[in-house]
Amino acid sequence: MIDAHIHLDGSKLHAETLSEGDRLGVRLFVGSSICNYIPYPTYEQVSRSNDDMAAVVQAHPDRVAGYCYVNPRHGEKALTDFRRRIEGRTMIGLKLWIATLCNDPLVFPFIEQSIAYKLPILIHSWRKTVGQLPYESTAEHVADLAERYPEARIIMAHMGGQVETAMNTIAAYNNVYTDTSGSPIGGNEVALAVDRLGPERVIFGSDLGGACLASNLGKVLGAGLSPEAVGLVTQGNMSRLLSEVLK
């Protein structure tokens, strides 16, 4: 299986990641380092975090792959660094968090470059009843981006937080997948996502180390899906996206 959404613990891989993966059958973890959750990081902070992620990938090349995290407000120098990391084969995707809304024009050069590289683009998406962060993207922002860039391979993280509304919002955009990570999300929500999008557009992610790998995998295995759908969600969909990177 593939866990398509993890984070580093500081500058390191969480201590139990690989052993838990061995126990549960997760062969590959795809992660990012988002500056220890600093919301609006400097260019130097982002670069150091990507260096940390690259070092973990280098230490565990058969078990870990990395998204390149960017703050689009850093403009051309961030885009140059992004290209360097992808072309150097140290990263395999783009990670956007909350430095800007994902449909801000500042983001467009990174999306266009990701399309050229055929990269998966993991976008944090969450709609809160209270406490929405400034520049925290929702499913509406993701859908707008997907309509503008139908060639983009977008993974909307956390099933958008408010799952039923989010699934209805992105359903028409076949270039948008969603991942199953997010602590309030359970098996019923995974089943709903598969029902609304089809099993080909749902991807397993745990959000480890901010969440438990076993319980997040349990959401998928407990969702009442067919064996074929479980295989697509836990491995097939992400494997297909990764197989096309840089080809």
C-alpha atoms as a PDB file:
ATOM      1  CA  MET A   1       0.000   0.000   0.000  1.00  0.00           C
ATOM      2  CA  ILE A   2       0.946   3.663  -0.367  1.00  0.00           C
ATOM      3  CA  ASP A   3       0.346   6.375   2.218  1.00  0.00           C
ATOM      4  CA  ALA A   4       0.132   9.524   0.107  1.00  0.00           C
ATOM      5  CA  HIS A   5       0.093  12.096   2.932  1.00  0.00           C
ATOM      6  CA  ILE A   6       2.585  12.186   5.795  1.00  0.00           C
ATOM      7  CA  HIS A   7       4.762  14.861   7.409  1.00  0.00           C
ATOM      8  CA  LEU A   8       8.125  14.883   9.097  1.00  0.00           C
ATOM      9  CA  ASP A   9       8.522  15.080  12.851  1.00  0.00           C
ATOM     10  CA  GLY A  10      10.708  18.173  12.996  1.00  0.00           C
ATOM     11  CA  SER A  11      13.482  17.404  10.517  1.00  0.00           C
ATOM     12  CA  LYS A  12      13.191  13.610  10.799  1.00  0.00           C
ATOM     13  CA  LEU A  13      10.870  10.814   9.808  1.00  0.00           C
ATOM     14  CA  HIS A  14       8.571   9.955  12.706  1.00  0.00           C
ATOM     15  CA  ALA A  15      10.264   7.208  14.666  1.00  0.00           C
ATOM     16  CA  GLU A  16       7.598   4.559  14.129  1.00  0.00           C
ATOM     17  CA  THR A  17       6.790   5.256  10.484  1.00  0.00           C
ATOM     18  CA  LEU A  18       8.701   2.427   8.830  1.00  0.00           C
ATOM     19  CA  SER A  19       7.989  -0.172  11.499  1.00  0.00           C
ATOM     20  CA  GLU A  20       4.268   0.636  11.409  1.00  0.00           C
ATOM     21  CA  GLY A  21       4.403   0.473   7.647  1.00  0.00           C
ATOM     22  CA  ASP A  22       5.973  -2.959   7.832  1.00  0.00           C
ATOM     23  CA  ARG A  23       3.337  -4.130  10.314  1.00  0.00           C
ATOM     24  CA  LEU A  24       0.395  -2.813   8.300  1.00  0.00           C
ATOM     25  CA  GLY A  25       1.656  -3.398   4.772  1.00  0.00           C
ATOM     26  CA  VAL A  26       2.423   0.175   3.720  1.00  0.00           C
ATOM     27  CA  ARG A  27       5.426  -0.005   1.398  1.00  0.00           C
ATOM     28  CA  LEU A  28       5.736   3.667   0.430  1.00  0.00           C
ATOM     29  CA  PHE A  29       5.147   6.937   2.275  1.00  0.00           C
ATOM     30  CA  VAL A  30       4.853  10.210   0.361  1.00  0.00           C
ATOM     31  CA  GLY A  31       5.512  13.177   2.598  1.00  0.00           C
ATOM     32  CA  SER A  32       6.281  16.833   2.972  1.00  0.00           C
ATOM     33  CA  SER A  33       7.884  19.061   5.544  1.00  0.00           C
ATOM     34  CA  ILE A  34       5.852  22.226   6.091  1.00  0.00           C
ATOM     35  CA  CYS A  35       8.215  24.191   8.326  1.00  0.00           C
ATOM     36  CA  ASN A  36       6.886  22.655  11.541  1.00  0.00           C
ATOM     37  CA  TYR A  37       3.462  24.091  10.692  1.00  0.00           C
ATOM     38  CA  ILE A  38       4.574  27.728  10.478  1.00  0.00           C
ATOM     39  CA  PRO A  39       1.655  29.232   8.515  1.00  0.00           C
ATOM     40  CA  TYR A  40       3.440  31.840   6.368  1.00  0.00           C
ATOM     41  CA  PRO A  41       7.110  30.807   6.227  1.00  0.00           C
ATOM     42  CA  THR A  42      10.069  32.676   4.813  1.00  0.00           C
ATOM     43  CA  TYR A  43      11.902  31.399   1.751  1.00  0.00           C
ATOM     44  CA  GLU A  44      14.779  30.246   3.976  1.00  0.00           C
ATOM     45  CA  GLN A  45      12.425  28.295   6.236  1.00  0.00           C
ATOM     46  CA  VAL A  46      10.809  26.583   3.259  1.00  0.00           C
ATOM     47  CA  SER A  47      14.171  25.722   1.720  1.00  0.00           C
ATOM     48  CA  ARG A  48      15.440  24.175   4.970  1.00  0.00           C
ATOM     49  CA  SER A  49      12.254  22.126   5.302  1.00  0.00           C
ATOM     50  CA  ASN A  50      12.618  20.814   1.762  1.00  0.00           C
ATOM     51  CA  ASP A  51      16.252  19.974   2.501  1.00  0.00           C
ATOM     52  CA  ASP A  52      15.032  17.953   5.486  1.00  0.00           C
ATOM     53  CA  MET A  53      12.516  16.102   3.325  1.00  0.00           C
ATOM     54  CA  ALA A  54      15.123  15.415   0.653  1.00  0.00           C
ATOM     55  CA  ALA A  55      17.497  14.019   3.275  1.00  0.00           C
ATOM     56  CA  VAL A  56      14.833  11.614   4.515  1.00  0.00           C
ATOM     57  CA  VAL A  57      14.112  10.491   0.947  1.00  0.00           C
ATOM     58  CA  GLN A  58      17.835   9.941   0.361  1.00  0.00           C
ATOM     59  CA  ALA A  59      18.093   7.900   3.566  1.00  0.00           C
ATOM     60  CA  HIS A  60      15.080   5.721   2.673  1.00  0.00           C
ATOM     61  CA  PRO A  61      14.806   5.810  -1.139  1.00  0.00           C
ATOM     62  CA  ASP A  62      12.712   2.645  -1.376  1.00  0.00           C
ATOM     63  CA  ARG A  63      10.243   3.651   1.331  1.00  0.00           C
ATOM     64  CA  VAL A  64       9.804   7.438   1.194  1.00  0.00           C
ATOM     65  CA  ALA A  65       9.099   9.974  -1.569  1.00  0.00           C
ATOM     66  CA  GLY A  66       8.710  13.715  -1.140  1.00  0.00           C
ATOM     67  CA  TYR A  67       6.468  16.563  -2.185  1.00  0.00           C
ATOM     68  CA  CYS A  68       8.215  19.898  -2.612  1.00  0.00           C
ATOM     69  CA  TYR A  69       6.555  22.446  -0.344  1.00  0.00           C
ATOM     70  CA  VAL A  70       6.358  25.997  -1.673  1.00  0.00           C
ATOM     71  CA  ASN A  71       5.162  29.376  -0.458  1.00  0.00           C
ATOM     72  CA  PRO A  72       3.983  30.913  -3.748  1.00  0.00           C
ATOM     73  CA  ARG A  73       4.494  34.418  -2.342  1.00  0.00           C
ATOM     74  CA  HIS A  74       8.236  33.905  -2.827  1.00  0.00           C
ATOM     75  CA  GLY A  75       7.816  34.104  -6.582  1.00  0.00           C
ATOM     76  CA  GLU A  76      10.546  33.312  -9.073  1.00  0.00           C
ATOM     77  CA  LYS A  77      13.191  32.142  -6.600  1.00  0.00           C
ATOM     78  CA  ALA A  78      10.737  29.608  -5.172  1.00  0.00           C
ATOM     79  CA  LEU A  79       9.850  28.451  -8.673  1.00  0.00           C
ATOM     80  CA  THR A  80      13.543  28.031  -9.538  1.00  0.00           C
ATOM     81  CA  ASP A  81      14.125  25.981  -6.399  1.00  0.00           C
ATOM     82  CA  PHE A  82      11.048  23.885  -7.145  1.00  0.00           C
ATOM     83  CA  ARG A  83      12.341  23.090 -10.639  1.00  0.00           C
ATOM     84  CA  ARG A  84      15.758  22.188  -9.243  1.00  0.00           C
ATOM     85  CA  ARG A  85      14.337  19.697  -6.787  1.00  0.00           C
ATOM     86  CA  ILE A  86      12.021  18.028  -9.292  1.00  0.00           C
ATOM     87  CA  GLU A  87      14.587  17.854 -12.091  1.00  0.00           C
ATOM     88  CA  GLY A  88      17.163  16.536  -9.639  1.00  0.00           C
ATOM     89  CA  ARG A  89      14.754  13.678  -8.861  1.00  0.00           C
ATOM     90  CA  THR A  90      14.705  14.446  -5.134  1.00  0.00           C
ATOM     91  CA  MET A  91      10.970  15.336  -5.141  1.00  0.00           C
ATOM     92  CA  ILE A  92       7.975  13.888  -6.989  1.00  0.00           C
ATOM     93  CA  GLY A  93       5.169  16.377  -6.370  1.00  0.00           C
ATOM     94  CA  LEU A  94       4.008  19.806  -5.229  1.00  0.00           C
ATOM     95  CA  LYS A  95       2.633  20.580  -1.766  1.00  0.00           C
ATOM     96  CA  LEU A  96       0.500  23.664  -1.051  1.00  0.00           C
ATOM     97  CA  TRP A  97      -0.589  24.522   2.459  1.00  0.00           C
ATOM     98  CA  ILE A  98      -2.004  27.871   3.677  1.00  0.00           C
ATOM     99  CA  ALA A  99       0.462  30.545   2.567  1.00  0.00           C
ATOM    100  CA  THR A 100      -1.966  31.468  -0.248  1.00  0.00           C
ATOM    101  CA  LEU A 101      -5.316  30.272  -1.483  1.00  0.00           C
ATOM    102  CA  CYS A 102      -4.706  27.592  -4.064  1.00  0.00           C
ATOM    103  CA  ASN A 103      -6.464  29.556  -6.826  1.00  0.00           C
ATOM    104  CA  ASP A 104      -4.486  32.744  -6.272  1.00  0.00           C
ATOM    105  CA  PRO A 105      -2.636  33.820  -9.450  1.00  0.00           C
ATOM    106  CA  LEU A 106       0.589  33.586  -7.441  1.00  0.00           C
ATOM    107  CA  VAL A 107       0.126  29.822  -7.508  1.00  0.00           C
ATOM    108  CA  PHE A 108      -0.377  29.506 -11.265  1.00  0.00           C
ATOM    109  CA  PRO A 109       3.317  29.271 -12.295  1.00  0.00           C
ATOM    110  CA  PHE A 110       3.781  26.350  -9.894  1.00  0.00           C
ATOM    111  CA  ILE A 111       0.694  24.588 -11.247  1.00  0.00           C
ATOM    112  CA  GLU A 112       1.835  25.111 -14.833  1.00  0.00           C
ATOM    113  CA  GLN A 113       5.268  23.712 -14.027  1.00  0.00           C
ATOM    114  CA  SER A 114       3.670  20.759 -12.242  1.00  0.00           C
ATOM    115  CA  ILE A 115       1.576  20.047 -15.324  1.00  0.00           C
ATOM    116  CA  ALA A 116       4.727  20.027 -17.441  1.00  0.00           C
ATOM    117  CA  TYR A 117       6.321  17.523 -15.057  1.00  0.00           C
ATOM    118  CA  LYS A 118       3.073  15.496 -14.652  1.00  0.00           C
ATOM    119  CA  LEU A 119       3.300  15.864 -10.885  1.00  0.00           C
ATOM    120  CA  PRO A 120       0.647  15.147  -8.283  1.00  0.00           C
ATOM    121  CA  ILE A 121      -0.315  18.378  -6.507  1.00  0.00           C
ATOM    122  CA  LEU A 122      -1.344  17.897  -2.871  1.00  0.00           C
ATOM    123  CA  ILE A 123      -3.450  20.819  -1.616  1.00  0.00           C
ATOM    124  CA  HIS A 124      -4.489  21.287   1.990  1.00  0.00           C
ATOM    125  CA  SER A 125      -8.241  21.875   1.976  1.00  0.00           C
ATOM    126  CA  TRP A 126     -10.412  22.341   5.017  1.00  0.00           C
ATOM    127  CA  ARG A 127     -13.653  24.168   5.738  1.00  0.00           C
ATOM    128  CA  LYS A 128     -14.142  24.934   9.417  1.00  0.00           C
ATOM    129  CA  THR A 129     -17.312  26.060  11.130  1.00  0.00           C
ATOM    130  CA  VAL A 130     -15.149  28.363  13.245  1.00  0.00           C
ATOM    131  CA  GLY A 131     -11.467  29.236  13.134  1.00  0.00           C
ATOM    132  CA  GLN A 132     -10.863  29.161   9.397  1.00  0.00           C
ATOM    133  CA  LEU A 133      -7.284  30.300   8.835  1.00  0.00           C
ATOM    134  CA  PRO A 134      -6.464  33.173   6.485  1.00  0.00           C
ATOM    135  CA  TYR A 135      -5.704  31.753   3.020  1.00  0.00           C
ATOM    136  CA  GLU A 136      -6.866  28.255   3.995  1.00  0.00           C
ATOM    137  CA  SER A 137      -8.248  26.722   0.795  1.00  0.00           C
ATOM    138  CA  THR A 138     -11.624  24.995   0.626  1.00  0.00           C
ATOM    139  CA  ALA A 139     -13.142  22.691  -1.967  1.00  0.00           C
ATOM    140  CA  GLU A 140     -14.509  25.732  -3.806  1.00  0.00           C
ATOM    141  CA  HIS A 141     -10.978  27.066  -4.321  1.00  0.00           C
ATOM    142  CA  VAL A 142      -9.776  23.636  -5.449  1.00  0.00           C
ATOM    143  CA  ALA A 143     -12.648  23.328  -7.937  1.00  0.00           C
ATOM    144  CA  ASP A 144     -11.880  26.770  -9.352  1.00  0.00           C
ATOM    145  CA  LEU A 145      -8.229  25.802  -9.831  1.00  0.00           C
ATOM    146  CA  ALA A 146      -9.227  22.490 -11.437  1.00  0.00           C
ATOM    147  CA  GLU A 147     -11.499  24.250 -13.912  1.00  0.00           C
ATOM    148  CA  ARG A 148      -8.718  26.660 -14.862  1.00  0.00           C
ATOM    149  CA  TYR A 149      -6.174  23.835 -15.236  1.00  0.00           C
ATOM    150  CA  PRO A 150      -7.922  20.623 -16.335  1.00  0.00           C
ATOM    151  CA  GLU A 151      -4.517  19.004 -17.024  1.00  0.00           C
ATOM    152  CA  ALA A 152      -3.428  19.422 -13.393  1.00  0.00           C
ATOM    153  CA  ARG A 153      -3.338  16.288 -11.231  1.00  0.00           C
ATOM    154  CA  ILE A 154      -4.779  17.617  -7.991  1.00  0.00           C
ATOM    155  CA  ILE A 155      -5.185  15.758  -4.706  1.00  0.00           C
ATOM    156  CA  MET A 156      -7.526  17.640  -2.367  1.00  0.00           C
ATOM    157  CA  ALA A 157      -6.349  16.700   1.126  1.00  0.00           C
ATOM    158  CA  HIS A 158      -8.575  15.765   4.073  1.00  0.00           C
ATOM    159  CA  MET A 159     -11.661  15.312   1.863  1.00  0.00           C
ATOM    160  CA  GLY A 160     -12.156  19.041   2.294  1.00  0.00           C
ATOM    161  CA  GLY A 161     -13.085  18.799   5.982  1.00  0.00           C
ATOM    162  CA  GLN A 162     -16.847  18.959   5.454  1.00  0.00           C
ATOM    163  CA  VAL A 163     -16.973  15.880   3.310  1.00  0.00           C
ATOM    164  CA  GLU A 164     -20.384  15.742   1.663  1.00  0.00           C
ATOM    165  CA  THR A 165     -20.326  19.373   0.549  1.00  0.00           C
ATOM    166  CA  ALA A 166     -16.728  19.053  -0.623  1.00  0.00           C
ATOM    167  CA  MET A 167     -17.386  15.896  -2.646  1.00  0.00           C
ATOM    168  CA  ASN A 168     -20.340  17.544  -4.373  1.00  0.00           C
ATOM    169  CA  THR A 169     -18.159  20.568  -5.155  1.00  0.00           C
ATOM    170  CA  ILE A 170     -15.337  18.640  -6.850  1.00  0.00           C
ATOM    171  CA  ALA A 171     -17.378  15.805  -8.371  1.00  0.00           C
ATOM    172  CA  ALA A 172     -17.519  17.350 -11.846  1.00  0.00           C
ATOM    173  CA  TYR A 173     -13.738  17.769 -12.066  1.00  0.00           C
ATOM    174  CA  ASN A 174     -12.172  14.464 -13.060  1.00  0.00           C
ATOM    175  CA  ASN A 175      -8.667  15.853 -12.534  1.00  0.00           C
ATOM    176  CA  VAL A 176      -9.303  16.204  -8.777  1.00  0.00           C
ATOM    177  CA  TYR A 177      -8.686  13.315  -6.402  1.00  0.00           C
ATOM    178  CA  THR A 178      -9.180  13.453  -2.662  1.00  0.00           C
ATOM    179  CA  ASP A 179      -7.214  11.852   0.144  1.00  0.00           C
ATOM    180  CA  THR A 180      -8.676  10.209   3.228  1.00  0.00           C
ATOM    181  CA  SER A 181      -6.505  11.926   5.849  1.00  0.00           C
ATOM    182  CA  GLY A 182      -8.089  13.952   8.636  1.00  0.00           C
ATOM    183  CA  SER A 183      -8.881  13.017  12.211  1.00  0.00           C
ATOM    184  CA  PRO A 184     -12.670  13.727  12.184  1.00  0.00           C
ATOM    185  CA  ILE A 185     -13.120  11.602   9.063  1.00  0.00           C
ATOM    186  CA  GLY A 186     -14.262   7.981   9.409  1.00  0.00           C
ATOM    187  CA  GLY A 187     -15.321   5.006   7.321  1.00  0.00           C
ATOM    188  CA  ASN A 188     -18.698   6.491   6.436  1.00  0.00           C
ATOM    189  CA  GLU A 189     -17.000   9.535   4.926  1.00  0.00           C
ATOM    190  CA  VAL A 190     -14.607   7.354   2.935  1.00  0.00           C
ATOM    191  CA  ALA A 191     -17.568   5.397   1.600  1.00  0.00           C
ATOM    192  CA  LEU A 192     -19.350   8.636   0.695  1.00  0.00           C
ATOM    193  CA  ALA A 193     -16.293   9.915  -1.185  1.00  0.00           C
ATOM    194  CA  VAL A 194     -16.038   6.685  -3.168  1.00  0.00           C
ATOM    195  CA  ASP A 195     -19.762   6.806  -3.911  1.00  0.00           C
ATOM    196  CA  ARG A 196     -19.675  10.422  -5.159  1.00  0.00           C
ATOM    197  CA  LEU A 197     -16.334  10.349  -7.016  1.00  0.00           C
ATOM    198  CA  GLY A 198     -15.774   6.687  -7.823  1.00  0.00           C
ATOM    199  CA  PRO A 199     -12.970   4.562  -6.355  1.00  0.00           C
ATOM    200  CA  GLU A 200     -10.534   5.817  -9.006  1.00  0.00           C
ATOM    201  CA  ARG A 201     -10.455   9.303  -7.419  1.00  0.00           C
ATOM    202  CA  VAL A 202      -9.930   8.504  -3.723  1.00  0.00           C
ATOM    203  CA  ILE A 203      -6.418   8.041  -2.296  1.00  0.00           C
ATOM    204  CA  PHE A 204      -5.320   6.781   1.100  1.00  0.00           C
ATOM    205  CA  GLY A 205      -3.416   9.236   3.288  1.00  0.00           C
ATOM    206  CA  SER A 206      -2.864   9.219   7.041  1.00  0.00           C
ATOM    207  CA  ASP A 207      -1.442  12.674   7.913  1.00  0.00           C
ATOM    208  CA  LEU A 208       1.159  10.871  10.057  1.00  0.00           C
ATOM    209  CA  GLY A 209       2.795  11.975  12.426  1.00  0.00           C
ATOM    210  CA  GLY A 210      -0.126  14.287  13.295  1.00  0.00           C
ATOM    211  CA  ALA A 211      -2.422  11.277  13.126  1.00  0.00           C
ATOM    212  CA  CYS A 212      -2.292   7.516  13.615  1.00  0.00           C
ATOM    213  CA  LEU A 213      -1.438   5.357  10.609  1.00  0.00           C
ATOM    214  CA  ALA A 214      -3.434   2.348  11.831  1.00  0.00           C
ATOM    215  CA  SER A 215      -6.639   4.265  12.580  1.00  0.00           C
ATOM    216  CA  ASN A 216      -6.504   6.091   9.255  1.00  0.00           C
ATOM    217  CA  LEU A 217      -5.996   2.852   7.368  1.00  0.00           C
ATOM    218  CA  GLY A 218      -8.878   1.425   9.399  1.00  0.00           C
ATOM    219  CA  LYS A 219     -11.204   4.069   7.936  1.00  0.00           C
ATOM    220  CA  VAL A 220     -10.589   2.669   4.468  1.00  0.00           C
ATOM    221  CA  LEU A 221     -10.735  -0.984   5.450  1.00  0.00           C
ATOM    222  CA  GLY A 222     -13.898  -0.354   7.487  1.00  0.00           C
ATOM    223  CA  ALA A 223     -15.738   1.601   4.794  1.00  0.00           C
ATOM    224  CA  GLY A 224     -17.449  -1.430   3.262  1.00  0.00           C
ATOM    225  CA  LEU A 225     -15.701  -1.064  -0.084  1.00  0.00           C
ATOM    226  CA  SER A 226     -15.205  -3.883  -2.572  1.00  0.00           C
ATOM    227  CA  PRO A 227     -11.748  -5.492  -2.618  1.00  0.00           C
ATOM    228  CA  GLU A 228     -11.135  -3.863  -5.987  1.00  0.00           C
ATOM    229  CA  ALA A 229     -12.004  -0.423  -4.611  1.00  0.00           C
ATOM    230  CA  VAL A 230      -9.778  -0.938  -1.558  1.00  0.00           C
ATOM    231  CA  GLY A 231      -6.915  -1.808  -3.891  1.00  0.00           C
ATOM    232  CA  LEU A 232      -7.401   1.371  -5.907  1.00  0.00           C
ATOM    233  CA  VAL A 233      -7.685   3.604  -2.838  1.00  0.00           C
ATOM    234  CA  THR A 234      -4.752   2.126  -0.944  1.00  0.00           C
ATOM    235  CA  GLN A 235      -2.352   1.646  -3.844  1.00  0.00           C
ATOM    236  CA  GLY A 236      -3.541   1.708  -7.429  1.00  0.00           C
ATOM    237  CA  ASN A 237      -4.525   5.357  -7.810  1.00  0.00           C
ATOM    238  CA  MET A 238      -1.406   6.850  -6.274  1.00  0.00           C
ATOM    239  CA  SER A 239       0.833   4.310  -7.979  1.00  0.00           C
ATOM    240  CA  ARG A 240      -0.594   5.386 -11.340  1.00  0.00           C
ATOM    241  CA  LEU A 241       0.041   9.066 -10.613  1.00  0.00           C
ATOM    242  CA  LEU A 242       3.602   8.423  -9.489  1.00  0.00           C
ATOM    243  CA  SER A 243       4.378   6.247 -12.508  1.00  0.00           C
ATOM    244  CA  GLU A 244       3.854   9.222 -14.826  1.00  0.00           C
ATOM    245  CA  VAL A 245       6.068  11.744 -13.032  1.00  0.00           C
ATOM    246  CA  LEU A 246       8.658  13.276 -15.390  1.00  0.00           C
ATOM    247  CA  LYS A 247       7.684  10.936 -18.238  1.00  0.00           C
END
